[in-house]
N, C-alpha and C. Protein backbone atom coordinates (compact mmCIF):
# COMPACT_ATOMS: atom_id res chain seq x y z
N MET A 1 -25.45 -98.84 50.95
CA MET A 1 -24.80 -100.47 50.80
C MET A 1 -23.67 -100.39 51.44
N LEU A 2 -23.32 -101.17 52.77
CA LEU A 2 -22.14 -101.64 52.69
C LEU A 2 -21.34 -102.57 51.47
N VAL A 3 -20.48 -102.15 51.03
CA VAL A 3 -19.48 -103.33 50.04
C VAL A 3 -18.20 -103.83 50.83
N PRO A 4 -18.54 -105.14 50.97
CA PRO A 4 -17.37 -105.64 51.26
C PRO A 4 -15.89 -105.66 50.56
N SER A 5 -14.92 -106.10 50.59
CA SER A 5 -13.45 -105.48 50.48
C SER A 5 -13.42 -106.07 49.60
N SER A 6 -12.87 -106.36 48.69
CA SER A 6 -12.34 -106.72 47.44
C SER A 6 -12.00 -108.07 47.72
N SER A 7 -11.29 -108.54 48.37
CA SER A 7 -11.06 -109.99 48.75
C SER A 7 -11.97 -110.66 49.79
N GLN A 8 -12.99 -110.10 50.05
CA GLN A 8 -14.33 -110.70 50.59
C GLN A 8 -15.12 -110.88 49.79
N ARG A 9 -14.92 -109.82 48.67
CA ARG A 9 -15.84 -110.23 47.35
C ARG A 9 -15.83 -111.39 46.53
N GLU A 10 -14.28 -111.40 46.18
CA GLU A 10 -14.07 -111.94 45.64
C GLU A 10 -13.91 -113.33 46.35
N PHE A 11 -13.94 -113.35 47.42
CA PHE A 11 -14.70 -114.96 48.34
C PHE A 11 -15.89 -115.16 47.94
N LEU A 12 -16.70 -114.52 48.24
CA LEU A 12 -17.84 -115.00 48.08
C LEU A 12 -18.18 -115.07 46.72
N GLU A 13 -17.90 -113.87 45.69
CA GLU A 13 -18.28 -114.91 44.37
C GLU A 13 -17.96 -116.20 43.91
N LYS A 14 -16.85 -116.47 44.32
CA LYS A 14 -16.62 -118.04 44.57
C LYS A 14 -17.16 -118.77 44.98
N ALA A 15 -17.43 -118.60 46.71
CA ALA A 15 -18.33 -119.30 47.08
C ALA A 15 -19.96 -119.71 46.10
N SER A 16 -20.16 -118.76 45.95
CA SER A 16 -21.47 -118.62 45.60
C SER A 16 -21.57 -119.30 44.11
N ARG A 17 -20.78 -119.57 43.27
CA ARG A 17 -20.61 -119.80 42.03
C ARG A 17 -20.60 -121.33 42.07
N LYS A 18 -19.69 -122.04 43.16
CA LYS A 18 -19.06 -123.23 43.60
C LYS A 18 -20.55 -123.70 44.22
N TYR A 19 -21.40 -123.25 44.98
CA TYR A 19 -22.64 -123.57 45.85
C TYR A 19 -23.69 -123.90 44.54
N SER A 20 -23.31 -122.79 43.70
CA SER A 20 -24.21 -122.93 42.66
C SER A 20 -24.40 -124.45 41.64
N ASP A 21 -23.12 -124.21 41.44
CA ASP A 21 -22.56 -125.79 40.65
C ASP A 21 -22.96 -127.05 41.54
N GLU A 22 -22.83 -126.70 42.57
CA GLU A 22 -23.19 -127.77 43.76
C GLU A 22 -24.27 -128.35 43.93
N ILE A 23 -25.70 -127.53 43.21
CA ILE A 23 -26.41 -127.60 43.73
C ILE A 23 -27.10 -129.19 43.59
N THR A 24 -27.75 -129.58 44.85
CA THR A 24 -27.91 -131.08 44.47
C THR A 24 -29.39 -131.41 44.24
N GLN A 25 -29.80 -132.43 43.83
CA GLN A 25 -31.65 -133.17 43.39
C GLN A 25 -32.15 -132.86 44.70
N ASP A 26 -32.04 -133.16 45.64
CA ASP A 26 -32.69 -132.68 46.59
C ASP A 26 -32.91 -131.45 47.09
N ALA A 27 -32.03 -130.51 46.59
CA ALA A 27 -32.95 -128.81 46.55
C ALA A 27 -33.31 -128.49 46.01
N VAL A 28 -33.28 -128.75 44.79
CA VAL A 28 -33.83 -128.70 43.68
C VAL A 28 -35.07 -128.95 43.81
N GLU A 29 -35.15 -130.41 43.85
CA GLU A 29 -36.65 -131.07 44.13
C GLU A 29 -37.62 -130.05 45.30
N TYR A 30 -36.80 -129.59 46.11
CA TYR A 30 -37.44 -128.71 47.89
C TYR A 30 -37.54 -127.25 46.84
N LEU A 31 -36.96 -126.76 46.35
CA LEU A 31 -36.74 -125.38 45.65
C LEU A 31 -38.40 -124.84 44.13
N THR A 32 -37.91 -126.35 43.68
CA THR A 32 -39.53 -126.28 42.88
C THR A 32 -40.86 -127.03 43.21
N GLY A 33 -40.61 -127.94 44.38
CA GLY A 33 -41.42 -128.70 44.66
C GLY A 33 -42.56 -127.71 45.76
N PRO A 34 -43.37 -128.66 46.28
CA PRO A 34 -45.31 -128.13 46.59
C PRO A 34 -45.03 -126.90 47.69
N LYS A 35 -43.72 -126.64 48.21
CA LYS A 35 -43.56 -125.29 48.78
C LYS A 35 -43.05 -124.54 48.79
N ARG A 36 -42.34 -124.23 47.92
CA ARG A 36 -41.43 -123.28 47.43
C ARG A 36 -41.97 -122.77 45.36
N GLY A 37 -42.03 -123.64 45.14
CA GLY A 37 -42.89 -123.49 43.13
C GLY A 37 -41.84 -122.85 42.93
N LEU A 38 -40.35 -122.16 42.43
CA LEU A 38 -39.35 -121.61 42.34
C LEU A 38 -39.44 -122.43 40.79
N THR A 39 -38.91 -121.50 39.78
CA THR A 39 -38.42 -122.49 38.50
C THR A 39 -36.94 -123.08 38.66
N GLU A 40 -36.22 -123.40 37.68
CA GLU A 40 -35.31 -123.88 37.28
C GLU A 40 -34.74 -122.75 36.75
N GLU A 41 -35.23 -121.95 36.00
CA GLU A 41 -34.49 -120.44 35.80
C GLU A 41 -34.51 -119.49 36.46
N ALA A 42 -35.39 -119.45 37.69
CA ALA A 42 -35.28 -118.68 38.85
C ALA A 42 -33.76 -118.64 39.69
N ILE A 43 -33.65 -120.27 39.80
CA ILE A 43 -32.81 -120.69 40.91
C ILE A 43 -31.67 -120.41 40.39
N GLU A 44 -31.63 -120.90 38.93
CA GLU A 44 -30.34 -120.17 38.00
C GLU A 44 -29.76 -119.10 38.08
N ARG A 45 -31.40 -117.88 38.01
CA ARG A 45 -30.94 -116.74 37.88
C ARG A 45 -30.35 -116.31 39.24
N HIS A 46 -30.86 -116.55 39.92
CA HIS A 46 -30.10 -116.14 41.46
C HIS A 46 -29.76 -116.81 42.54
N ARG A 47 -28.81 -117.47 41.58
CA ARG A 47 -27.63 -118.64 41.64
C ARG A 47 -27.53 -119.37 42.70
N LEU A 48 -28.91 -119.71 43.57
CA LEU A 48 -29.19 -120.50 44.89
C LEU A 48 -28.64 -121.71 44.50
N GLY A 49 -27.87 -122.30 45.77
CA GLY A 49 -27.03 -123.19 45.48
C GLY A 49 -26.80 -124.27 46.64
N VAL A 50 -26.51 -124.98 46.99
CA VAL A 50 -26.07 -125.58 48.24
C VAL A 50 -24.46 -125.88 48.54
N VAL A 51 -24.25 -125.78 49.97
CA VAL A 51 -23.14 -125.95 50.82
C VAL A 51 -22.84 -127.48 50.81
N ALA A 52 -22.44 -127.84 49.67
CA ALA A 52 -21.76 -129.66 49.71
C ALA A 52 -20.44 -130.32 50.16
N ASP A 53 -19.37 -128.89 49.43
CA ASP A 53 -18.15 -129.42 49.70
C ASP A 53 -18.01 -127.89 50.26
N PRO A 54 -18.05 -127.61 51.86
CA PRO A 54 -17.81 -125.84 52.39
C PRO A 54 -16.54 -125.59 52.11
N LEU A 55 -16.17 -124.37 51.56
CA LEU A 55 -15.45 -123.44 51.46
C LEU A 55 -14.87 -122.99 53.33
N PRO A 56 -13.67 -123.13 53.44
CA PRO A 56 -13.38 -122.53 55.27
C PRO A 56 -13.95 -121.49 55.12
N GLY A 57 -14.65 -121.97 56.80
CA GLY A 57 -15.42 -120.82 57.71
C GLY A 57 -16.68 -121.52 57.11
N HIS A 58 -17.22 -122.29 56.33
CA HIS A 58 -18.95 -122.53 55.86
C HIS A 58 -19.23 -123.71 56.11
N GLU A 59 -18.36 -124.34 57.28
CA GLU A 59 -18.95 -126.27 57.61
C GLU A 59 -19.65 -125.59 58.74
N THR A 60 -20.32 -124.67 58.95
CA THR A 60 -21.34 -124.84 59.76
C THR A 60 -22.69 -124.86 59.14
N TYR A 61 -22.65 -124.71 57.48
CA TYR A 61 -23.76 -124.68 56.74
C TYR A 61 -23.99 -125.61 55.81
N ARG A 62 -23.12 -126.63 55.69
CA ARG A 62 -22.60 -128.01 55.45
C ARG A 62 -24.11 -128.08 55.25
N GLY A 63 -24.95 -128.85 53.34
CA GLY A 63 -25.90 -129.28 53.12
C GLY A 63 -27.02 -128.02 53.70
N TRP A 64 -26.59 -126.79 53.51
CA TRP A 64 -27.99 -125.92 53.74
C TRP A 64 -27.58 -124.99 51.95
N ILE A 65 -29.24 -125.21 51.81
CA ILE A 65 -28.70 -123.58 50.73
C ILE A 65 -28.43 -122.27 50.62
N THR A 66 -27.96 -122.09 49.74
CA THR A 66 -27.15 -120.59 49.80
C THR A 66 -28.05 -119.72 48.94
N ILE A 67 -28.45 -118.48 49.58
CA ILE A 67 -29.05 -117.38 49.04
C ILE A 67 -27.74 -116.06 48.87
N PRO A 68 -27.28 -115.93 47.82
CA PRO A 68 -26.18 -115.35 47.90
C PRO A 68 -27.09 -113.82 47.41
N TYR A 69 -26.16 -112.48 48.21
CA TYR A 69 -26.69 -111.29 47.80
C TYR A 69 -26.46 -110.32 46.29
N LEU A 70 -26.38 -111.08 45.05
CA LEU A 70 -25.57 -110.62 44.12
C LEU A 70 -26.30 -109.03 43.76
N THR A 71 -25.35 -108.03 43.71
CA THR A 71 -25.19 -106.83 43.30
C THR A 71 -24.38 -106.35 42.14
N ALA A 72 -24.01 -104.92 41.58
CA ALA A 72 -23.80 -104.38 40.69
C ALA A 72 -22.31 -104.42 41.49
N TYR A 73 -22.25 -104.55 42.58
CA TYR A 73 -20.68 -104.51 43.47
C TYR A 73 -20.15 -106.00 42.94
N GLY A 74 -20.20 -107.43 42.58
CA GLY A 74 -20.31 -108.67 42.93
C GLY A 74 -21.46 -108.88 44.43
N VAL A 75 -20.95 -110.47 44.88
CA VAL A 75 -21.59 -110.77 45.90
C VAL A 75 -21.28 -110.44 47.01
N THR A 76 -21.87 -109.54 47.87
CA THR A 76 -21.91 -108.82 48.97
C THR A 76 -22.28 -109.25 50.35
N THR A 77 -22.90 -110.40 50.07
CA THR A 77 -23.34 -111.79 51.58
C THR A 77 -23.77 -112.35 50.59
N ILE A 78 -23.75 -114.11 51.48
CA ILE A 78 -24.71 -114.92 51.68
C ILE A 78 -25.02 -115.46 52.25
N ARG A 79 -26.39 -116.22 52.24
CA ARG A 79 -27.52 -116.26 53.50
C ARG A 79 -27.89 -117.58 53.62
N PHE A 80 -28.08 -118.42 54.62
CA PHE A 80 -27.83 -119.64 54.69
C PHE A 80 -29.59 -120.37 55.10
N ARG A 81 -29.87 -120.92 54.32
CA ARG A 81 -31.29 -121.74 54.42
C ARG A 81 -31.27 -123.14 54.58
N ARG A 82 -32.05 -123.56 55.97
CA ARG A 82 -32.24 -125.08 56.24
C ARG A 82 -32.60 -126.32 54.98
N LEU A 83 -32.32 -127.31 54.88
CA LEU A 83 -32.78 -128.00 53.51
C LEU A 83 -34.12 -128.29 54.10
N GLY A 84 -35.39 -128.21 53.84
CA GLY A 84 -36.37 -129.21 54.53
C GLY A 84 -36.44 -128.41 55.82
N ASP A 85 -37.35 -129.01 56.68
CA ASP A 85 -37.69 -128.30 58.12
C ASP A 85 -36.80 -128.38 59.44
N GLY A 86 -36.41 -129.87 59.61
CA GLY A 86 -35.74 -129.94 60.93
C GLY A 86 -35.94 -128.83 61.98
N THR A 87 -34.89 -129.14 62.73
CA THR A 87 -34.96 -127.65 64.35
C THR A 87 -34.33 -127.20 64.41
N GLY A 88 -34.23 -126.30 65.10
CA GLY A 88 -33.31 -124.96 65.41
C GLY A 88 -33.82 -124.00 63.70
N ASP A 89 -32.82 -123.27 63.84
CA ASP A 89 -32.95 -122.23 63.26
C ASP A 89 -33.17 -122.05 61.62
N LYS A 90 -34.15 -121.70 61.20
CA LYS A 90 -34.57 -121.96 59.41
C LYS A 90 -33.75 -121.05 58.67
N TYR A 91 -33.55 -119.89 59.39
CA TYR A 91 -32.15 -118.56 58.09
C TYR A 91 -30.89 -118.49 59.17
N LEU A 92 -29.62 -118.73 58.75
CA LEU A 92 -28.41 -118.35 59.01
C LEU A 92 -27.75 -117.14 58.35
N THR A 93 -27.03 -116.05 59.04
CA THR A 93 -25.91 -115.52 58.34
C THR A 93 -24.60 -115.42 59.28
N VAL A 94 -23.79 -115.03 58.61
CA VAL A 94 -22.94 -115.09 59.03
C VAL A 94 -22.35 -114.36 60.36
N ALA A 95 -21.98 -114.40 61.21
CA ALA A 95 -21.99 -113.44 62.64
C ALA A 95 -21.41 -112.18 62.04
N GLY A 96 -22.17 -111.28 62.23
CA GLY A 96 -21.66 -109.82 62.74
C GLY A 96 -21.57 -109.13 60.73
N ASP A 97 -22.23 -109.49 60.21
CA ASP A 97 -22.32 -109.31 58.97
C ASP A 97 -23.45 -108.37 58.65
N PRO A 98 -23.78 -107.67 58.16
CA PRO A 98 -24.55 -105.91 58.74
C PRO A 98 -26.17 -106.77 57.47
N VAL A 99 -27.02 -106.29 57.65
CA VAL A 99 -28.33 -106.68 57.27
C VAL A 99 -28.25 -105.57 55.93
N ARG A 100 -28.53 -106.12 55.26
CA ARG A 100 -28.67 -106.04 53.35
C ARG A 100 -30.29 -106.12 52.55
N ILE A 101 -30.26 -105.32 51.98
CA ILE A 101 -31.47 -105.61 51.19
C ILE A 101 -30.87 -106.70 49.70
N TYR A 102 -31.58 -107.61 49.87
CA TYR A 102 -31.89 -108.85 48.91
C TYR A 102 -32.13 -108.30 47.20
N ASN A 103 -31.68 -108.83 46.32
CA ASN A 103 -32.05 -108.18 45.42
C ASN A 103 -31.77 -106.34 44.97
N PRO A 104 -31.25 -106.27 45.28
CA PRO A 104 -30.80 -104.67 44.95
C PRO A 104 -30.80 -103.69 43.93
N GLU A 105 -30.76 -105.30 42.36
CA GLU A 105 -30.69 -104.97 41.23
C GLU A 105 -31.97 -103.97 40.79
N ALA A 106 -33.01 -104.59 41.37
CA ALA A 106 -34.69 -104.37 40.97
C ALA A 106 -34.87 -102.82 41.04
N LEU A 107 -33.62 -101.90 41.86
CA LEU A 107 -34.07 -100.82 42.21
C LEU A 107 -33.31 -99.67 41.17
N GLN A 108 -32.24 -100.84 40.24
CA GLN A 108 -31.59 -99.70 39.02
C GLN A 108 -32.93 -99.81 38.18
N ARG A 109 -33.63 -100.10 38.17
CA ARG A 109 -34.53 -100.40 36.88
C ARG A 109 -35.31 -99.59 35.76
N GLY A 110 -35.26 -98.26 36.79
CA GLY A 110 -35.91 -97.27 36.51
C GLY A 110 -37.66 -97.35 36.50
N THR A 111 -38.03 -98.10 36.91
CA THR A 111 -39.31 -98.60 36.94
C THR A 111 -40.37 -97.56 38.08
N ARG A 112 -41.49 -97.13 37.43
CA ARG A 112 -42.39 -96.23 39.03
C ARG A 112 -42.95 -97.01 40.01
N ALA A 113 -43.44 -98.29 39.91
CA ALA A 113 -43.44 -98.30 41.48
C ALA A 113 -42.21 -99.67 41.91
N ILE A 114 -42.13 -100.81 43.09
CA ILE A 114 -41.42 -101.74 42.90
C ILE A 114 -42.24 -102.63 44.34
N CYS A 115 -41.84 -103.46 44.33
CA CYS A 115 -42.29 -104.85 45.56
C CYS A 115 -41.16 -104.83 46.73
N LEU A 116 -42.11 -105.05 47.75
CA LEU A 116 -40.90 -104.98 49.09
C LEU A 116 -41.48 -106.69 50.17
N THR A 117 -40.61 -107.23 50.21
CA THR A 117 -41.35 -108.81 50.91
C THR A 117 -40.28 -108.43 52.14
N GLU A 118 -41.13 -109.83 52.88
CA GLU A 118 -40.06 -110.45 53.92
C GLU A 118 -39.96 -111.73 53.62
N GLY A 119 -38.28 -111.35 52.97
CA GLY A 119 -37.91 -112.58 52.80
C GLY A 119 -37.15 -112.94 51.25
N GLU A 120 -36.38 -113.94 51.22
CA GLU A 120 -35.74 -113.88 49.81
C GLU A 120 -36.38 -114.54 49.03
N PHE A 121 -37.13 -115.45 49.34
CA PHE A 121 -37.50 -116.47 48.27
C PHE A 121 -38.55 -115.93 47.68
N ASP A 122 -39.49 -114.73 48.77
CA ASP A 122 -40.98 -114.73 48.38
C ASP A 122 -40.43 -113.46 47.14
N CYS A 123 -39.41 -112.55 47.63
CA CYS A 123 -38.92 -111.69 46.70
C CYS A 123 -38.32 -112.64 44.86
N VAL A 124 -37.64 -113.83 45.29
CA VAL A 124 -37.80 -114.43 43.90
C VAL A 124 -39.07 -114.66 43.46
N VAL A 125 -40.38 -115.31 44.10
CA VAL A 125 -41.59 -115.40 43.08
C VAL A 125 -41.96 -114.25 42.86
N ALA A 126 -42.03 -112.92 43.61
CA ALA A 126 -42.58 -111.90 42.76
C ALA A 126 -41.86 -111.42 41.53
N GLU A 127 -40.52 -111.74 41.66
CA GLU A 127 -39.86 -111.59 40.30
C GLU A 127 -40.29 -112.66 38.94
N MET A 128 -40.08 -113.62 39.58
CA MET A 128 -40.95 -114.64 38.91
C MET A 128 -41.96 -114.21 38.16
N CYS A 129 -42.94 -113.62 38.65
CA CYS A 129 -44.07 -113.17 38.25
C CYS A 129 -44.22 -111.63 37.37
N ASP A 130 -42.80 -111.35 37.13
CA ASP A 130 -42.98 -109.73 37.26
C ASP A 130 -42.92 -108.89 37.71
N MET A 131 -42.38 -108.48 38.95
CA MET A 131 -42.71 -107.16 39.64
C MET A 131 -41.51 -107.15 40.03
N PRO A 132 -40.78 -106.56 39.76
CA PRO A 132 -39.59 -105.95 40.20
C PRO A 132 -39.60 -106.20 41.70
N CYS A 133 -38.78 -106.59 42.87
CA CYS A 133 -39.13 -106.74 44.17
C CYS A 133 -37.98 -106.15 44.59
N ILE A 134 -37.66 -106.22 45.65
CA ILE A 134 -36.73 -106.35 46.63
C ILE A 134 -36.91 -106.45 48.01
N GLY A 135 -35.56 -108.10 48.37
CA GLY A 135 -36.75 -108.80 50.17
C GLY A 135 -35.63 -108.37 50.96
N LEU A 136 -36.46 -108.39 52.65
CA LEU A 136 -35.44 -107.96 53.36
C LEU A 136 -35.44 -109.50 54.26
N PRO A 137 -34.62 -109.71 54.83
CA PRO A 137 -34.64 -110.91 55.49
C PRO A 137 -34.75 -110.70 56.58
N GLY A 138 -36.02 -110.49 57.44
CA GLY A 138 -36.81 -110.73 58.54
C GLY A 138 -37.58 -109.44 58.28
N ALA A 139 -38.75 -109.80 59.62
CA ALA A 139 -39.53 -108.92 59.58
C ALA A 139 -38.62 -107.82 60.60
N GLN A 140 -37.57 -107.95 61.09
CA GLN A 140 -37.24 -106.91 62.18
C GLN A 140 -35.84 -106.34 61.51
N SER A 141 -35.71 -106.24 59.75
CA SER A 141 -34.58 -105.98 59.33
C SER A 141 -34.48 -104.46 59.05
N TRP A 142 -35.72 -103.88 59.15
CA TRP A 142 -35.64 -102.59 58.25
C TRP A 142 -34.47 -101.55 58.90
N GLN A 143 -33.93 -100.86 58.41
CA GLN A 143 -33.26 -99.74 57.95
C GLN A 143 -33.28 -98.48 58.04
N PRO A 144 -33.60 -97.54 58.72
CA PRO A 144 -34.54 -96.22 58.31
C PRO A 144 -33.78 -95.36 57.25
N ALA A 145 -31.97 -95.85 56.85
CA ALA A 145 -31.91 -95.18 55.71
C ALA A 145 -32.33 -95.78 54.22
N TRP A 146 -32.59 -96.55 54.38
CA TRP A 146 -33.14 -97.41 52.99
C TRP A 146 -34.21 -96.59 52.26
N SER A 147 -35.25 -96.06 53.38
CA SER A 147 -36.45 -95.33 53.09
C SER A 147 -36.02 -93.93 51.98
N ARG A 148 -34.48 -93.79 51.66
CA ARG A 148 -34.04 -92.79 50.89
C ARG A 148 -33.85 -93.66 49.18
N LEU A 149 -33.66 -94.49 49.44
CA LEU A 149 -33.96 -95.40 47.85
C LEU A 149 -35.00 -95.74 47.51
N LEU A 150 -35.69 -95.63 48.54
CA LEU A 150 -37.75 -95.70 47.85
C LEU A 150 -38.23 -94.51 47.42
N GLU A 151 -38.08 -93.44 48.08
CA GLU A 151 -38.84 -92.65 47.68
C GLU A 151 -38.81 -91.92 46.25
N GLN A 152 -38.07 -92.58 45.38
CA GLN A 152 -38.26 -92.62 43.83
C GLN A 152 -39.47 -93.04 43.32
N TYR A 153 -40.18 -93.61 44.23
CA TYR A 153 -41.37 -94.68 43.87
C TYR A 153 -42.51 -94.05 43.62
N ASP A 154 -43.54 -93.94 42.61
CA ASP A 154 -44.94 -93.33 42.68
C ASP A 154 -45.72 -94.85 43.96
N ALA A 155 -45.33 -95.81 44.21
CA ALA A 155 -45.62 -96.95 44.84
C ALA A 155 -44.89 -97.68 45.46
N VAL A 156 -44.75 -98.51 46.78
CA VAL A 156 -43.91 -99.06 47.03
C VAL A 156 -45.06 -100.27 47.40
N PHE A 157 -44.95 -101.41 46.46
CA PHE A 157 -45.97 -102.24 47.34
C PHE A 157 -45.43 -103.27 48.56
N PHE A 158 -45.87 -102.88 49.31
CA PHE A 158 -45.27 -104.22 50.57
C PHE A 158 -46.27 -105.25 50.60
N LEU A 159 -45.77 -106.52 50.49
CA LEU A 159 -46.20 -107.79 50.09
C LEU A 159 -46.20 -108.28 51.57
N GLN A 160 -47.44 -107.87 52.26
CA GLN A 160 -47.27 -108.49 54.07
C GLN A 160 -47.65 -109.73 54.35
N ASP A 161 -46.83 -110.89 54.79
CA ASP A 161 -47.14 -112.16 55.16
C ASP A 161 -48.48 -111.89 56.22
N ASP A 162 -48.87 -112.20 56.65
CA ASP A 162 -50.33 -112.19 56.78
C ASP A 162 -50.38 -112.83 58.56
N ASP A 163 -49.22 -112.25 59.22
CA ASP A 163 -49.16 -112.84 60.73
C ASP A 163 -48.99 -111.72 61.60
N ASP A 164 -48.35 -111.37 63.03
CA ASP A 164 -47.94 -110.85 63.78
C ASP A 164 -46.38 -110.16 63.20
N ALA A 165 -45.74 -110.72 62.96
CA ALA A 165 -44.75 -110.37 62.06
C ALA A 165 -44.41 -109.31 61.06
N GLY A 166 -45.37 -109.90 60.31
CA GLY A 166 -46.10 -108.80 59.04
C GLY A 166 -46.21 -107.75 59.45
N ARG A 167 -47.20 -108.14 60.47
CA ARG A 167 -47.91 -106.31 60.71
C ARG A 167 -47.31 -105.82 61.82
N THR A 168 -46.96 -106.09 62.71
CA THR A 168 -45.45 -105.26 62.93
C THR A 168 -44.20 -104.47 62.04
N MET A 169 -43.83 -105.57 60.81
CA MET A 169 -43.16 -104.56 60.24
C MET A 169 -44.01 -103.73 58.85
N ALA A 170 -45.25 -104.16 59.15
CA ALA A 170 -45.91 -102.86 58.57
C ALA A 170 -45.69 -101.66 59.23
N LYS A 171 -46.11 -101.78 60.06
CA LYS A 171 -46.16 -100.90 60.93
C LYS A 171 -44.98 -99.51 61.13
N SER A 172 -43.55 -100.35 61.10
CA SER A 172 -42.00 -100.09 61.06
C SER A 172 -42.23 -99.50 59.51
N LEU A 173 -42.86 -100.10 58.58
CA LEU A 173 -42.65 -99.40 57.36
C LEU A 173 -43.56 -97.90 57.13
N GLY A 174 -44.65 -97.59 57.90
CA GLY A 174 -45.43 -97.06 57.69
C GLY A 174 -44.90 -95.27 57.69
N LYS A 175 -44.37 -95.06 59.15
CA LYS A 175 -43.71 -93.41 59.17
C LYS A 175 -42.65 -93.33 58.18
N PRO A 176 -41.63 -94.24 57.10
CA PRO A 176 -40.40 -93.81 56.50
C PRO A 176 -41.43 -94.02 55.55
N LEU A 177 -42.12 -94.69 55.37
CA LEU A 177 -42.89 -94.32 53.36
C LEU A 177 -44.41 -93.74 53.38
N ARG A 178 -44.43 -93.29 54.49
CA ARG A 178 -46.14 -92.89 54.50
C ARG A 178 -46.87 -92.49 53.01
N GLY A 179 -45.62 -91.82 52.35
CA GLY A 179 -45.78 -90.95 51.36
C GLY A 179 -46.43 -91.72 49.60
N ASN A 180 -45.65 -93.46 49.95
CA ASN A 180 -45.92 -93.98 48.90
C ASN A 180 -46.19 -95.52 48.72
N LEU A 181 -46.16 -95.72 50.56
CA LEU A 181 -46.47 -97.93 50.77
C LEU A 181 -48.15 -98.06 50.11
N ARG A 182 -47.76 -99.11 49.90
CA ARG A 182 -49.10 -99.71 49.23
C ARG A 182 -49.26 -101.08 50.19
N THR A 183 -49.79 -101.31 51.32
CA THR A 183 -49.42 -102.84 51.84
C THR A 183 -50.76 -103.36 51.44
N ILE A 184 -49.87 -104.70 51.11
CA ILE A 184 -51.04 -105.89 50.07
C ILE A 184 -50.62 -107.00 51.08
N VAL A 185 -51.86 -107.09 52.25
CA VAL A 185 -51.83 -108.44 52.43
C VAL A 185 -52.13 -109.76 52.01
N MET A 186 -51.03 -110.59 52.31
CA MET A 186 -51.72 -112.09 51.63
C MET A 186 -52.12 -112.62 52.74
N ASP A 187 -53.64 -112.90 52.39
CA ASP A 187 -54.63 -113.46 52.61
C ASP A 187 -53.98 -114.74 53.21
N GLY A 188 -53.90 -115.05 54.54
CA GLY A 188 -53.85 -116.46 54.78
C GLY A 188 -52.46 -116.89 54.95
N GLY A 189 -51.22 -116.14 54.62
CA GLY A 189 -50.16 -117.05 54.82
C GLY A 189 -49.12 -115.81 53.74
N ASP A 190 -48.32 -116.01 53.08
CA ASP A 190 -46.87 -115.04 52.57
C ASP A 190 -47.07 -114.98 50.66
N VAL A 191 -46.18 -114.28 50.77
CA VAL A 191 -46.22 -114.19 49.00
C VAL A 191 -46.34 -115.84 48.27
N THR A 192 -45.73 -116.64 48.76
CA THR A 192 -45.25 -118.03 47.78
C THR A 192 -46.74 -118.61 48.68
N SER A 193 -47.12 -118.89 49.05
CA SER A 193 -48.35 -119.76 49.35
C SER A 193 -49.36 -119.31 48.85
N PHE A 194 -49.93 -117.51 48.50
CA PHE A 194 -50.51 -117.21 47.66
C PHE A 194 -49.89 -117.73 46.29
N PHE A 195 -49.10 -117.31 45.91
CA PHE A 195 -48.85 -117.80 44.88
C PHE A 195 -49.17 -119.45 44.48
N LEU A 196 -48.63 -120.09 45.29
CA LEU A 196 -48.84 -121.91 44.86
C LEU A 196 -50.44 -122.12 44.93
N GLU A 197 -50.95 -121.13 45.99
CA GLU A 197 -52.60 -121.23 46.04
C GLU A 197 -53.40 -121.01 44.52
N HIS A 198 -52.81 -119.75 44.67
CA HIS A 198 -53.55 -118.78 43.55
C HIS A 198 -53.34 -118.71 42.27
N GLY A 199 -51.94 -118.60 41.89
CA GLY A 199 -51.01 -118.98 40.60
C GLY A 199 -50.52 -117.29 40.46
N ARG A 200 -49.90 -117.53 39.50
CA ARG A 200 -49.16 -115.80 39.02
C ARG A 200 -50.07 -114.73 38.60
N GLU A 201 -51.36 -114.79 37.69
CA GLU A 201 -51.74 -113.71 37.80
C GLU A 201 -52.47 -113.56 38.53
N ALA A 202 -53.11 -114.29 39.76
CA ALA A 202 -54.23 -113.76 40.45
C ALA A 202 -53.24 -112.77 41.37
N LEU A 203 -52.14 -113.73 41.67
CA LEU A 203 -51.14 -112.48 42.25
C LEU A 203 -50.95 -110.98 42.04
N ARG A 204 -50.78 -111.12 40.25
CA ARG A 204 -50.15 -109.79 39.97
C ARG A 204 -51.49 -109.35 39.67
N GLU A 205 -52.62 -109.98 39.58
CA GLU A 205 -54.13 -108.74 40.26
C GLU A 205 -54.39 -108.54 41.17
N LYS A 206 -53.93 -109.12 42.29
CA LYS A 206 -53.99 -108.83 44.05
C LYS A 206 -53.12 -107.26 43.93
N VAL A 207 -51.21 -107.37 43.46
CA VAL A 207 -51.26 -106.13 43.56
C VAL A 207 -51.16 -105.40 42.73
N LEU A 208 -51.33 -105.59 41.69
CA LEU A 208 -50.79 -104.55 40.91
C LEU A 208 -52.53 -104.46 40.10
N GLY A 209 -53.51 -104.37 40.63
CA GLY A 209 -55.07 -104.60 40.38
C GLY A 209 -54.97 -104.56 38.72
N LYS A 210 -54.31 -105.73 37.84
CA LYS A 210 -54.43 -106.51 36.34
C LYS A 210 -53.47 -107.64 36.62
């Protein structure tokens, strides 16, 4: 994992806490509503926020939801998600920022299995269901070096989106994780849609068989 400089981490820490404190009611309603289903506890734990009053360099993201990448080294990056549907890109990353794993703290818990999702919000949903999970910021974001982080597990449950991008991602994971990969297709959608339709216990049963 590439660790930003101490000054950059200090800026990202300040930004993530500021935007978390400034989260708007509209953002909370979106995140906890019928499209996302997150709990307020999960929003606080993952320090989701809103760029209400941008710090220098973040003016482009005014009004967007913030998704900080929290690690033992501090905040390593912030991703931005458009609030609502709108037009254009739904997610943005600061130009030049390397691809990183979301919620890497899950890798430090000593479990024998871990979940892997395409997308940060799906990862938060899995965590809400007490399934340790890491997330990737998109179907094309897998980095070969990450396979070394996952070889320690008896099972890596890839919670695959039921679309072409998800199937492509499953293929890209197949070779580096062939020893422990377990692909679980989210029938007709993704982790969030399955959770919203069927509930916590149904998602756990689908993934873990219990």
